[in-house]
Amino acid sequence: MMLLSRDEFRQSVFERDNYTCVMCDKPAADAHHIIERRLFSDSGYYLDNGASLCKEHHIAAETTLLSCDEIREKCRIKNIILPSHLYDDFQYDKWGNIILPAGQRLKGELFHDESVQKIIKPVLHLFINRVKYPRTHHLPFSPGVGKGDRIIENMSGFENEEIVVTVKYDGEQMNVYNDGFHARSIDSGSHPSRNWFWRIHNQIGHDIPEGYRICGENLYAVHSIKYNHLPSHFLLFAIYNNKNECLSWDETLEWTALLNLKAVDELYRGQYDEQILKNLYRSIHNNDTMEGFVVRVTRKFNYSEHKKVVAKYVRQNHVQTDQHWIHKPIEINGLEN
């Protein structure tokens, strides 16, 4: 799909739609971005991300009362254009918020933007207090890139920044709130490796402020790597506040101690240096196989920055089991003495 300039986008969209609103017979007033251009690293000026709308239907589309799918259907668009950090198997509204099958919505990276809040006021009642953890892109030199994975487009988000590099563990990512928790999927079902986590939530849930979420790795069950020396079956790696900002690494460690939890192990902290990252991986960490590492800036950052300031390195052939872990009998990872 060819990227257009702003003027080319407007002209091409109008020409394709005969200068007529695709939702009615009125003259087109706007070449509407079906998915908000601010979500794209390249501004999203693609023909299949545009639709000719009259003033009335443009307002309906901006407020998301008119869905992206309805607009695409009227435009006969088959090729859904999404920013690279969003997921192909989810339905999104104009502003990048995930729409759940029951019609509820998850808060996306632009949700807390003041201007967006005003625009989507008619649908704010549809949002629930759950947020999907953002996709973490691979470093350009990560050997474990698989089908469907994304590679960070450039490393400019790390330049001139202090970074911390932590061990990447082979577990299941968990999001913990004061009133519950879920795995990477918001509707993750019951499973012995998740059910045990209620013990953790019972210990810390009442100490999590409203709107905050604790993000960590559930390492109770063996996935591809069998651990024998874990410091805990749950290792914390990030905390988001009620403004959807990831706390600084120092704040994260303070909260980890306050909640009486363990954080993922640090491998390096200092100024960003690509050569250091390239030489950092070791196959063994703490006498266990090491899956890889994650690098992030140490400062606080917004949810929308994640794709630029967090990245991962994963070992080659990191999935070494034929059967998905969730379908296997539970084997519990070992803890260090």
Protein backbone atom coordinates (compact mmCIF):
# COMPACT_ATOMS: atom_id res chain seq x y z
CA MET A 1 0.00 0.00 0.00
CA MET A 2 1.47 3.34 -1.09
CA LEU A 3 1.95 6.10 1.48
CA LEU A 4 0.53 9.39 0.19
CA SER A 5 1.17 13.00 1.06
CA ARG A 6 -1.57 14.90 2.89
CA ASP A 7 -2.81 16.56 -0.31
CA GLU A 8 -2.59 13.33 -2.31
CA PHE A 9 -4.55 11.53 0.40
CA ARG A 10 -7.38 14.06 0.35
CA GLN A 11 -7.57 14.15 -3.43
CA SER A 12 -7.36 10.35 -3.85
CA VAL A 13 -10.04 9.67 -1.24
CA PHE A 14 -12.43 12.20 -2.78
CA GLU A 15 -11.82 10.86 -6.29
CA ARG A 16 -12.42 7.26 -5.26
CA ASP A 17 -15.69 8.23 -3.54
CA ASN A 18 -16.85 10.60 -6.30
CA TYR A 19 -16.67 13.58 -3.91
CA THR A 20 -19.72 12.18 -2.13
CA CYS A 21 -20.18 11.09 1.47
CA VAL A 22 -19.97 7.30 1.52
CA MET A 23 -22.72 7.17 4.16
CA CYS A 24 -25.25 9.34 2.32
CA ASP A 25 -25.68 11.36 -0.88
CA LYS A 26 -24.41 14.68 0.45
CA PRO A 27 -21.22 16.32 -0.89
CA ALA A 28 -18.10 15.18 0.92
CA ALA A 29 -16.74 17.71 3.43
CA ASP A 30 -13.79 15.76 4.83
CA ALA A 31 -11.30 13.07 3.82
CA HIS A 32 -11.60 11.22 7.10
CA HIS A 33 -8.84 9.07 8.65
CA ILE A 34 -10.56 5.80 9.55
CA ILE A 35 -7.81 5.10 12.11
CA GLU A 36 -6.36 8.23 13.70
CA ARG A 37 -3.19 9.37 11.95
CA ARG A 38 -1.43 10.10 15.27
CA LEU A 39 -1.33 6.37 15.91
CA PHE A 40 0.86 5.84 12.86
CA SER A 41 4.60 6.47 12.82
CA ASP A 42 4.21 7.66 9.20
CA SER A 43 0.93 9.64 9.67
CA GLY A 44 -1.22 6.96 8.06
CA TYR A 45 -1.97 8.71 4.77
CA TYR A 46 -3.07 5.54 2.98
CA LEU A 47 -6.02 5.42 0.59
CA ASP A 48 -7.52 2.44 2.43
CA ASN A 49 -7.38 4.43 5.66
CA GLY A 50 -9.54 7.19 4.21
CA ALA A 51 -13.23 7.86 3.61
CA SER A 52 -15.19 10.79 2.18
CA LEU A 53 -17.72 12.01 4.72
CA CYS A 54 -20.18 14.87 5.02
CA LYS A 55 -20.03 17.08 8.09
CA GLU A 56 -22.69 15.13 9.97
CA HIS A 57 -21.14 11.71 9.36
CA HIS A 58 -17.65 13.05 10.00
CA ILE A 59 -18.75 14.04 13.51
CA ALA A 60 -20.31 10.59 14.00
CA ALA A 61 -17.06 8.95 12.87
CA GLU A 62 -14.89 11.13 15.12
CA THR A 63 -17.04 10.39 18.16
CA THR A 64 -16.93 6.69 17.11
CA LEU A 65 -20.72 6.42 17.05
CA LEU A 66 -20.03 5.42 13.44
CA SER A 67 -17.65 2.44 13.51
CA CYS A 68 -14.54 1.87 11.43
CA ASP A 69 -16.03 -1.33 10.02
CA GLU A 70 -19.20 0.45 8.90
CA ILE A 71 -17.13 3.05 7.08
CA ARG A 72 -14.87 0.46 5.44
CA GLU A 73 -17.91 -1.49 4.24
CA LYS A 74 -19.37 1.60 2.57
CA CYS A 75 -16.00 2.30 0.92
CA ARG A 76 -15.64 -1.37 -0.10
CA ILE A 77 -12.28 -1.46 1.68
CA LYS A 78 -11.02 -5.02 2.14
CA ASN A 79 -7.48 -4.19 3.25
CA ILE A 80 -7.62 -2.98 6.86
CA ILE A 81 -4.80 -0.55 7.56
CA LEU A 82 -3.51 -0.55 11.14
CA PRO A 83 -0.44 0.95 12.80
CA SER A 84 2.28 -1.70 13.13
CA HIS A 85 2.07 -1.87 16.93
CA LEU A 86 -1.64 -2.74 16.99
CA TYR A 87 -2.95 -6.29 16.73
CA ASP A 88 -4.54 -7.66 13.56
CA ASP A 89 -6.98 -9.87 15.49
CA PHE A 90 -8.67 -7.05 17.42
CA GLN A 91 -11.35 -4.57 16.44
CA TYR A 92 -10.44 -0.92 17.09
CA ASP A 93 -12.32 2.34 17.13
CA LYS A 94 -11.01 5.45 15.38
CA TRP A 95 -8.75 6.33 18.33
CA GLY A 96 -7.11 2.93 18.73
CA ASN A 97 -9.26 1.70 21.61
CA ILE A 98 -10.02 -2.03 21.48
CA ILE A 99 -13.70 -2.90 21.06
CA LEU A 100 -14.65 -6.09 22.88
CA PRO A 101 -17.23 -8.54 21.47
CA ALA A 102 -19.88 -7.33 23.96
CA GLY A 103 -19.35 -3.71 22.89
CA GLN A 104 -17.25 -2.62 25.86
CA ARG A 105 -13.95 -0.88 25.15
CA LEU A 106 -10.44 -0.90 26.50
CA LYS A 107 -8.51 2.32 26.98
CA GLY A 108 -5.93 2.79 24.24
CA GLU A 109 -2.88 5.01 24.02
CA LEU A 110 -4.79 8.19 23.10
CA PHE A 111 -7.65 7.69 25.57
CA HIS A 112 -6.31 10.11 28.19
CA ASP A 113 -5.56 12.85 25.65
CA GLU A 114 -7.70 15.84 26.66
CA SER A 115 -8.89 16.52 23.12
CA VAL A 116 -9.82 12.88 22.59
CA GLN A 117 -11.73 12.80 25.87
CA LYS A 118 -13.91 15.64 24.64
CA ILE A 119 -14.54 14.01 21.27
CA ILE A 120 -15.50 10.56 22.57
CA LYS A 121 -17.65 11.83 25.45
CA PRO A 122 -20.80 10.14 24.01
CA VAL A 123 -19.17 6.69 24.37
CA LEU A 124 -17.15 7.06 27.59
CA HIS A 125 -19.66 4.89 29.43
CA LEU A 126 -18.54 1.93 27.31
CA PHE A 127 -14.99 1.86 28.70
CA ILE A 128 -13.95 -0.54 31.44
CA ASN A 129 -10.97 -0.24 33.78
CA ARG A 130 -8.85 -2.78 31.96
CA VAL A 131 -5.93 -2.10 29.61
CA LYS A 132 -4.18 -4.53 27.30
CA TYR A 133 -0.41 -4.55 27.76
CA PRO A 134 1.15 -3.05 24.63
CA ARG A 135 3.05 -5.07 22.05
CA THR A 136 6.80 -5.06 22.71
CA HIS A 137 8.83 -4.93 19.51
CA HIS A 138 12.02 -6.88 18.93
CA LEU A 139 15.39 -5.20 18.78
CA PRO A 140 16.79 -5.16 15.23
CA PHE A 141 19.41 -7.75 16.23
CA SER A 142 17.06 -10.07 18.15
CA PRO A 143 17.44 -13.58 16.65
CA GLY A 144 14.08 -14.84 17.96
CA VAL A 145 11.76 -12.85 15.69
CA GLY A 146 8.85 -15.05 14.71
CA LYS A 147 5.85 -14.88 12.41
CA GLY A 148 3.66 -11.94 13.38
CA ASP A 149 6.36 -10.30 15.51
CA ARG A 150 7.38 -6.69 15.00
CA ILE A 151 10.85 -5.15 14.94
CA ILE A 152 11.37 -1.68 16.38
CA GLU A 153 11.58 0.76 13.48
CA ASN A 154 14.48 2.79 14.86
CA MET A 155 16.34 3.18 18.13
CA SER A 156 15.97 6.96 18.42
CA GLY A 157 13.72 6.58 21.47
CA PHE A 158 16.68 5.24 23.45
CA GLU A 159 19.33 7.68 22.30
CA ASN A 160 20.70 10.00 25.03
CA GLU A 161 18.57 8.16 27.58
CA GLU A 162 19.43 6.16 30.67
CA ILE A 163 18.18 2.62 30.20
CA VAL A 164 17.74 -0.48 32.29
CA VAL A 165 18.01 -3.98 30.84
CA THR A 166 16.21 -6.79 32.65
CA VAL A 167 15.93 -10.53 32.19
CA LYS A 168 13.07 -11.67 29.96
CA TYR A 169 11.43 -14.70 31.52
CA ASP A 170 9.47 -17.47 29.83
CA GLY A 171 6.09 -17.08 31.54
CA GLU A 172 2.69 -15.47 31.09
CA GLN A 173 2.30 -11.73 31.35
CA MET A 174 -0.18 -10.65 34.05
CA ASN A 175 -1.98 -7.34 34.65
CA VAL A 176 -3.09 -6.80 38.24
CA TYR A 177 -5.68 -4.25 39.45
CA ASN A 178 -7.16 -3.54 42.86
CA ASP A 179 -10.28 -5.50 41.87
CA GLY A 180 -8.84 -8.37 39.84
CA PHE A 181 -6.32 -9.44 37.23
CA HIS A 182 -6.03 -10.90 33.75
CA ALA A 183 -3.38 -12.38 31.51
CA ARG A 184 -2.40 -10.82 28.18
CA SER A 185 -5.90 -11.50 26.91
CA ILE A 186 -8.53 -9.52 28.83
CA ASP A 187 -10.90 -12.49 28.77
CA SER A 188 -8.26 -15.09 29.71
CA GLY A 189 -10.06 -18.05 31.22
CA SER A 190 -9.51 -20.20 34.27
CA HIS A 191 -6.33 -22.28 34.39
CA PRO A 192 -4.37 -23.80 37.32
CA SER A 193 -1.38 -21.61 36.47
CA ARG A 194 -3.61 -18.55 36.81
CA ASN A 195 -5.86 -19.69 39.64
CA TRP A 196 -2.96 -19.82 42.10
CA PHE A 197 -2.45 -16.10 41.43
CA TRP A 198 -5.47 -15.23 43.60
CA ARG A 199 -3.13 -15.75 46.54
CA ILE A 200 -0.93 -12.94 45.21
CA HIS A 201 -3.91 -10.71 44.56
CA ASN A 202 -5.29 -11.28 48.04
CA GLN A 203 -1.96 -10.07 49.43
CA ILE A 204 -1.55 -6.92 47.30
CA GLY A 205 -4.92 -6.00 45.74
CA HIS A 206 -6.01 -3.66 48.54
CA ASP A 207 -2.71 -1.76 48.26
CA ILE A 208 -3.05 -0.99 44.53
CA PRO A 209 -4.49 2.52 44.00
CA GLU A 210 -7.60 2.94 41.87
CA GLY A 211 -6.68 3.10 38.19
CA TYR A 212 -3.18 1.64 38.70
CA ARG A 213 -2.08 -1.71 37.33
CA ILE A 214 0.84 -3.94 38.20
CA CYS A 215 2.45 -5.77 35.28
CA GLY A 216 4.60 -8.83 35.79
CA GLU A 217 5.46 -12.34 34.71
CA ASN A 218 3.52 -15.34 36.00
CA LEU A 219 6.15 -18.09 36.24
CA TYR A 220 4.20 -20.70 38.16
CA ALA A 221 3.98 -23.19 35.29
CA VAL A 222 6.70 -24.41 32.95
CA HIS A 223 6.29 -23.11 29.39
CA SER A 224 9.33 -23.85 27.19
CA ILE A 225 11.98 -23.29 29.87
CA LYS A 226 12.09 -25.27 33.10
CA TYR A 227 13.28 -22.96 35.89
CA ASN A 228 14.81 -24.30 39.07
CA HIS A 229 16.13 -21.13 40.72
CA LEU A 230 13.43 -18.46 40.47
CA PRO A 231 13.30 -15.79 43.20
CA SER A 232 9.47 -15.91 42.99
CA HIS A 233 6.68 -17.31 40.83
CA PHE A 234 5.64 -13.71 40.08
CA LEU A 235 8.19 -11.12 38.98
CA LEU A 236 7.13 -7.51 38.49
CA PHE A 237 8.45 -5.49 35.55
CA ALA A 238 6.22 -2.39 35.20
CA ILE A 239 3.58 -0.31 36.95
CA TYR A 240 1.13 2.01 35.21
CA ASN A 241 -0.66 4.82 37.06
CA ASN A 242 -4.20 6.18 36.61
CA LYS A 243 -3.02 8.40 33.73
CA ASN A 244 -1.72 5.35 31.85
CA GLU A 245 1.88 6.35 32.45
CA CYS A 246 4.53 3.73 33.12
CA LEU A 247 6.30 4.70 36.33
CA SER A 248 10.04 5.28 36.31
CA TRP A 249 12.19 2.26 37.08
CA ASP A 250 13.14 3.71 40.48
CA GLU A 251 9.46 4.23 41.36
CA THR A 252 8.73 0.72 40.12
CA LEU A 253 11.35 -0.73 42.47
CA GLU A 254 9.97 1.33 45.38
CA TRP A 255 6.47 -0.04 44.74
CA THR A 256 7.89 -3.55 44.39
CA ALA A 257 9.35 -3.31 47.88
CA LEU A 258 6.18 -1.75 49.33
CA LEU A 259 4.08 -4.59 47.91
CA ASN A 260 6.58 -7.16 49.17
CA LEU A 261 7.09 -8.50 45.66
CA LYS A 262 10.17 -9.34 43.58
CA ALA A 263 11.21 -7.52 40.40
CA VAL A 264 12.80 -9.02 37.31
CA ASP A 265 16.59 -9.18 37.56
CA GLU A 266 18.67 -6.30 36.20
CA LEU A 267 21.46 -7.02 33.71
CA TYR A 268 22.56 -3.48 32.99
CA ARG A 269 21.71 0.10 33.93
CA GLY A 270 23.38 3.10 32.33
CA GLN A 271 23.43 5.23 29.21
CA TYR A 272 22.11 3.66 26.06
CA ASP A 273 24.83 1.96 24.03
CA GLU A 274 23.83 -0.37 21.22
CA GLN A 275 27.11 -2.25 21.37
CA ILE A 276 26.56 -3.07 25.04
CA LEU A 277 23.12 -4.48 24.18
CA LYS A 278 24.54 -6.58 21.36
CA ASN A 279 27.01 -8.20 23.75
CA LEU A 280 24.68 -8.59 26.73
CA TYR A 281 22.88 -11.88 26.12
CA ARG A 282 24.05 -14.98 27.95
CA SER A 283 22.47 -18.41 27.53
CA ILE A 284 22.44 -19.01 31.29
CA HIS A 285 21.27 -16.67 34.08
CA ASN A 286 21.20 -17.68 37.73
CA ASN A 287 21.85 -21.31 36.69
CA ASP A 288 18.72 -21.39 34.48
CA THR A 289 18.28 -21.01 30.73
CA MET A 290 17.85 -17.36 29.77
CA GLU A 291 15.17 -16.57 27.20
CA GLY A 292 16.36 -13.05 26.49
CA PHE A 293 16.18 -9.54 27.87
CA VAL A 294 14.04 -6.40 27.79
CA VAL A 295 15.39 -2.85 27.52
CA ARG A 296 13.44 0.24 28.62
CA VAL A 297 14.21 3.85 29.46
CA THR A 298 14.42 4.41 33.21
CA ARG A 299 12.26 7.55 33.18
CA LYS A 300 8.48 7.64 33.38
CA PHE A 301 6.79 7.40 29.98
CA ASN A 302 3.30 7.42 28.52
CA TYR A 303 1.58 4.26 27.30
CA SER A 304 1.76 5.67 23.77
CA GLU A 305 5.59 5.78 23.98
CA HIS A 306 5.97 2.07 24.74
CA LYS A 307 6.61 1.14 21.12
CA LYS A 308 9.58 3.55 21.02
CA VAL A 309 11.18 3.13 24.45
CA VAL A 310 10.73 -0.58 25.26
CA ALA A 311 12.15 -3.43 23.18
CA LYS A 312 13.21 -7.04 23.60
CA TYR A 313 15.89 -9.49 22.61
CA VAL A 314 14.79 -13.12 22.38
CA ARG A 315 17.03 -16.14 21.89
CA GLN A 316 16.85 -18.09 18.65
CA ASN A 317 14.33 -20.97 18.59
CA HIS A 318 12.96 -19.84 21.94
CA VAL A 319 9.80 -21.97 21.64
CA GLN A 320 11.08 -25.54 21.89
CA THR A 321 7.94 -27.50 22.72
CA ASP A 322 5.50 -29.04 20.24
CA GLN A 323 2.45 -28.61 22.48
CA HIS A 324 1.28 -25.25 23.81
CA TRP A 325 2.00 -25.01 27.53
CA ILE A 326 -1.63 -24.28 28.40
CA HIS A 327 -2.70 -27.71 27.10
CA LYS A 328 -0.02 -29.65 28.99
CA PRO A 329 -0.25 -31.06 32.51
CA ILE A 330 0.97 -28.45 34.97
CA GLU A 331 4.64 -28.65 35.86
CA ILE A 332 5.62 -26.14 38.52
CA ASN A 333 8.85 -24.16 38.17
CA GLY A 334 11.34 -24.39 41.01
CA LEU A 335 12.32 -21.62 43.40
CA GLU A 336 15.78 -20.80 44.67
CA ASN A 337 16.60 -21.90 48.18
